[in-house]
Every structure is written in C-alpha cells, then in structure tokens.
Amino acid sequence: MLVGVDAGTFQRLAVMTATARGKWAAEALRLSESGSPVTPDQAARLTAHRTAYEELAEAYEAMRRMVERGYLVIK
C-alpha cells in the first residue's frame, strides 16, 4: 500500500505535521489577543486546525511504528 516511501517522504510528513501544530497554536494565540469571547466561527476554525494537526500526528506516528516494527522499510 505504501509504495515509494523514502526518507524525504517521511520528512515531508513530519514538517507538515509540525506546521499544522504551529498553525493551530498561532490561531489560538490570535484569538486570545482580542480578549473577547470566541465566536462559533472562530471556534470552528480553531477546531479545524486542531483536527488537521491531530490527524497528521496520528499518521506520522503510525508510519513511525511501521518502520520500527519492520513493516515499512525506508530507502
């Protein structure tokens, strides 16, 4: 199923995951600057950022476990 996975592929996923985490944190900080209650739209945007980060983090961890267990060999 995972054809053509190499160190570059793994690194791109790691960077994408870290970027998503940064966007989530940046959005939370941006919302906190106003001091106003969070609107439903703002909460939805923050949730979307968190969900993206969590899904990418789970995918990264799954790939890491596959490599550790020898199910996936990185070229």
N, C-alpha and C. Protein backbone atom coordinates (compact mmCIF):
# COMPACT_ATOMS: atom_id res chain seq x y z
N MET A 1 0.81 -1.20 0.00
CA MET A 1 0.00 0.00 0.00
C MET A 1 0.85 1.27 0.00
N LEU A 2 1.94 1.24 0.72
CA LEU A 2 2.80 2.42 0.82
C LEU A 2 4.02 2.23 -0.06
N VAL A 3 3.85 2.56 -1.31
CA VAL A 3 4.91 2.38 -2.29
C VAL A 3 5.69 3.68 -2.45
N GLY A 4 6.98 3.57 -2.56
CA GLY A 4 7.80 4.74 -2.83
C GLY A 4 8.06 5.64 -1.63
N VAL A 5 7.90 5.09 -0.42
CA VAL A 5 8.17 5.89 0.78
C VAL A 5 9.67 5.89 1.01
N ASP A 6 10.22 7.09 1.11
CA ASP A 6 11.64 7.21 1.40
C ASP A 6 11.82 8.24 2.51
N ALA A 7 13.05 8.54 2.85
CA ALA A 7 13.32 9.48 3.93
C ALA A 7 12.71 10.85 3.65
N GLY A 8 12.72 11.26 2.39
CA GLY A 8 12.14 12.55 2.02
C GLY A 8 10.63 12.59 2.26
N THR A 9 9.97 11.49 1.93
CA THR A 9 8.53 11.40 2.17
C THR A 9 8.24 11.51 3.65
N PHE A 10 8.99 10.78 4.44
CA PHE A 10 8.83 10.78 5.89
C PHE A 10 9.07 12.19 6.44
N GLN A 11 10.10 12.85 5.95
CA GLN A 11 10.43 14.19 6.42
C GLN A 11 9.34 15.19 6.04
N ARG A 12 8.80 15.07 4.83
CA ARG A 12 7.73 15.99 4.42
C ARG A 12 6.51 15.85 5.32
N LEU A 13 6.18 14.62 5.70
CA LEU A 13 5.06 14.40 6.61
C LEU A 13 5.36 15.01 7.97
N ALA A 14 6.58 14.86 8.45
CA ALA A 14 6.96 15.44 9.74
C ALA A 14 6.85 16.96 9.71
N VAL A 15 7.33 17.57 8.64
CA VAL A 15 7.27 19.03 8.52
C VAL A 15 5.81 19.50 8.41
N MET A 16 5.01 18.77 7.64
CA MET A 16 3.61 19.14 7.50
C MET A 16 2.90 19.06 8.85
N THR A 17 3.23 18.03 9.63
CA THR A 17 2.63 17.87 10.96
C THR A 17 3.04 19.01 11.88
N ALA A 18 4.32 19.34 11.88
CA ALA A 18 4.80 20.44 12.72
C ALA A 18 4.19 21.77 12.30
N THR A 19 4.03 21.97 11.01
CA THR A 19 3.42 23.20 10.51
C THR A 19 1.96 23.30 10.95
N ALA A 20 1.25 22.18 10.89
CA ALA A 20 -0.15 22.17 11.31
C ALA A 20 -0.26 22.50 12.80
N ARG A 21 0.66 21.96 13.60
CA ARG A 21 0.65 22.27 15.03
C ARG A 21 0.90 23.76 15.25
N GLY A 22 1.83 24.32 14.50
CA GLY A 22 2.11 25.75 14.61
C GLY A 22 0.92 26.61 14.22
N LYS A 23 0.22 26.22 13.17
CA LYS A 23 -0.96 26.97 12.74
C LYS A 23 -2.06 26.92 13.80
N TRP A 24 -2.23 25.76 14.42
CA TRP A 24 -3.22 25.61 15.47
C TRP A 24 -2.89 26.52 16.65
N ALA A 25 -1.63 26.49 17.09
CA ALA A 25 -1.21 27.33 18.21
C ALA A 25 -1.30 28.81 17.85
N ALA A 26 -0.90 29.17 16.64
CA ALA A 26 -0.96 30.57 16.22
C ALA A 26 -2.40 31.08 16.19
N GLU A 27 -3.32 30.22 15.74
CA GLU A 27 -4.72 30.61 15.70
C GLU A 27 -5.25 30.83 17.12
N ALA A 28 -4.88 29.96 18.03
CA ALA A 28 -5.32 30.11 19.43
C ALA A 28 -4.78 31.41 20.02
N LEU A 29 -3.52 31.71 19.76
CA LEU A 29 -2.94 32.95 20.27
C LEU A 29 -3.61 34.17 19.65
N ARG A 30 -3.90 34.09 18.36
CA ARG A 30 -4.57 35.19 17.67
C ARG A 30 -5.93 35.46 18.30
N LEU A 31 -6.66 34.40 18.60
CA LEU A 31 -7.98 34.56 19.21
C LEU A 31 -7.88 35.16 20.61
N SER A 32 -6.83 34.82 21.33
CA SER A 32 -6.69 35.31 22.70
C SER A 32 -6.34 36.80 22.77
N GLU A 33 -5.81 37.35 21.69
CA GLU A 33 -5.38 38.74 21.69
C GLU A 33 -6.53 39.72 21.86
N SER A 34 -7.70 39.37 21.36
CA SER A 34 -8.82 40.31 21.44
C SER A 34 -9.41 40.39 22.84
N GLY A 35 -9.30 39.31 23.59
CA GLY A 35 -9.89 39.29 24.92
C GLY A 35 -11.39 39.08 24.89
N SER A 36 -11.96 38.98 23.71
CA SER A 36 -13.40 38.77 23.55
C SER A 36 -13.71 37.28 23.57
N PRO A 37 -14.96 36.95 23.90
CA PRO A 37 -15.35 35.54 23.81
C PRO A 37 -15.20 35.03 22.37
N VAL A 38 -14.87 33.78 22.25
CA VAL A 38 -14.69 33.17 20.94
C VAL A 38 -16.07 32.95 20.30
N THR A 39 -16.19 33.35 19.04
CA THR A 39 -17.44 33.14 18.31
C THR A 39 -17.50 31.70 17.80
N PRO A 40 -18.67 31.24 17.44
CA PRO A 40 -18.77 29.89 16.88
C PRO A 40 -17.90 29.70 15.64
N ASP A 41 -17.83 30.71 14.78
CA ASP A 41 -16.98 30.60 13.59
C ASP A 41 -15.50 30.49 13.96
N GLN A 42 -15.09 31.27 14.94
CA GLN A 42 -13.70 31.21 15.37
C GLN A 42 -13.38 29.85 16.00
N ALA A 43 -14.30 29.36 16.80
CA ALA A 43 -14.11 28.05 17.42
C ALA A 43 -14.02 26.95 16.35
N ALA A 44 -14.84 27.07 15.33
CA ALA A 44 -14.82 26.08 14.25
C ALA A 44 -13.49 26.11 13.51
N ARG A 45 -12.96 27.31 13.28
CA ARG A 45 -11.66 27.43 12.60
C ARG A 45 -10.55 26.84 13.48
N LEU A 46 -10.60 27.12 14.77
CA LEU A 46 -9.61 26.57 15.69
C LEU A 46 -9.71 25.04 15.74
N THR A 47 -10.92 24.54 15.76
CA THR A 47 -11.15 23.10 15.76
C THR A 47 -10.60 22.46 14.48
N ALA A 48 -10.80 23.11 13.36
CA ALA A 48 -10.29 22.59 12.09
C ALA A 48 -8.76 22.49 12.13
N HIS A 49 -8.11 23.50 12.68
CA HIS A 49 -6.64 23.47 12.80
C HIS A 49 -6.20 22.33 13.71
N ARG A 50 -6.88 22.16 14.84
CA ARG A 50 -6.53 21.10 15.77
C ARG A 50 -6.74 19.72 15.14
N THR A 51 -7.86 19.56 14.47
CA THR A 51 -8.17 18.28 13.84
C THR A 51 -7.12 17.94 12.79
N ALA A 52 -6.73 18.92 11.99
CA ALA A 52 -5.70 18.68 10.98
C ALA A 52 -4.40 18.24 11.63
N TYR A 53 -4.00 18.94 12.69
CA TYR A 53 -2.77 18.57 13.39
C TYR A 53 -2.87 17.16 13.96
N GLU A 54 -3.97 16.87 14.64
CA GLU A 54 -4.12 15.55 15.28
C GLU A 54 -4.11 14.42 14.25
N GLU A 55 -4.77 14.61 13.13
CA GLU A 55 -4.79 13.57 12.10
C GLU A 55 -3.40 13.36 11.52
N LEU A 56 -2.69 14.44 11.24
CA LEU A 56 -1.33 14.31 10.70
C LEU A 56 -0.40 13.67 11.72
N ALA A 57 -0.54 14.03 12.99
CA ALA A 57 0.30 13.45 14.04
C ALA A 57 0.05 11.94 14.15
N GLU A 58 -1.21 11.54 14.06
CA GLU A 58 -1.54 10.11 14.12
C GLU A 58 -0.94 9.37 12.92
N ALA A 59 -1.01 9.97 11.75
CA ALA A 59 -0.45 9.34 10.55
C ALA A 59 1.07 9.21 10.68
N TYR A 60 1.71 10.26 11.18
CA TYR A 60 3.17 10.22 11.37
C TYR A 60 3.55 9.12 12.36
N GLU A 61 2.84 9.06 13.48
CA GLU A 61 3.14 8.04 14.48
C GLU A 61 2.90 6.64 13.94
N ALA A 62 1.86 6.48 13.13
CA ALA A 62 1.57 5.18 12.53
C ALA A 62 2.72 4.76 11.61
N MET A 63 3.20 5.69 10.82
CA MET A 63 4.32 5.37 9.93
C MET A 63 5.58 5.06 10.74
N ARG A 64 5.81 5.82 11.79
CA ARG A 64 6.98 5.57 12.63
C ARG A 64 6.93 4.16 13.23
N ARG A 65 5.76 3.77 13.71
CA ARG A 65 5.60 2.42 14.27
C ARG A 65 5.82 1.35 13.20
N MET A 66 5.33 1.61 11.98
CA MET A 66 5.54 0.64 10.91
C MET A 66 7.02 0.46 10.62
N VAL A 67 7.78 1.54 10.64
CA VAL A 67 9.22 1.45 10.41
C VAL A 67 9.88 0.71 11.56
N GLU A 68 9.54 1.07 12.81
CA GLU A 68 10.13 0.42 13.97
C GLU A 68 9.89 -1.09 13.97
N ARG A 69 8.71 -1.49 13.54
CA ARG A 69 8.35 -2.92 13.54
C ARG A 69 8.80 -3.66 12.29
N GLY A 70 9.38 -2.93 11.35
CA GLY A 70 9.88 -3.56 10.14
C GLY A 70 8.82 -3.80 9.07
N TYR A 71 7.62 -3.24 9.26
CA TYR A 71 6.57 -3.39 8.27
C TYR A 71 6.82 -2.50 7.06
N LEU A 72 7.56 -1.43 7.28
CA LEU A 72 7.85 -0.46 6.23
C LEU A 72 9.34 -0.18 6.26
N VAL A 73 9.99 -0.37 5.15
CA VAL A 73 11.42 -0.12 5.07
C VAL A 73 11.64 1.20 4.34
N ILE A 74 12.37 2.08 4.99
CA ILE A 74 12.68 3.38 4.39
C ILE A 74 13.96 3.22 3.58
N LYS A 75 13.87 3.63 2.31
CA LYS A 75 15.02 3.51 1.41
C LYS A 75 16.09 4.49 1.78
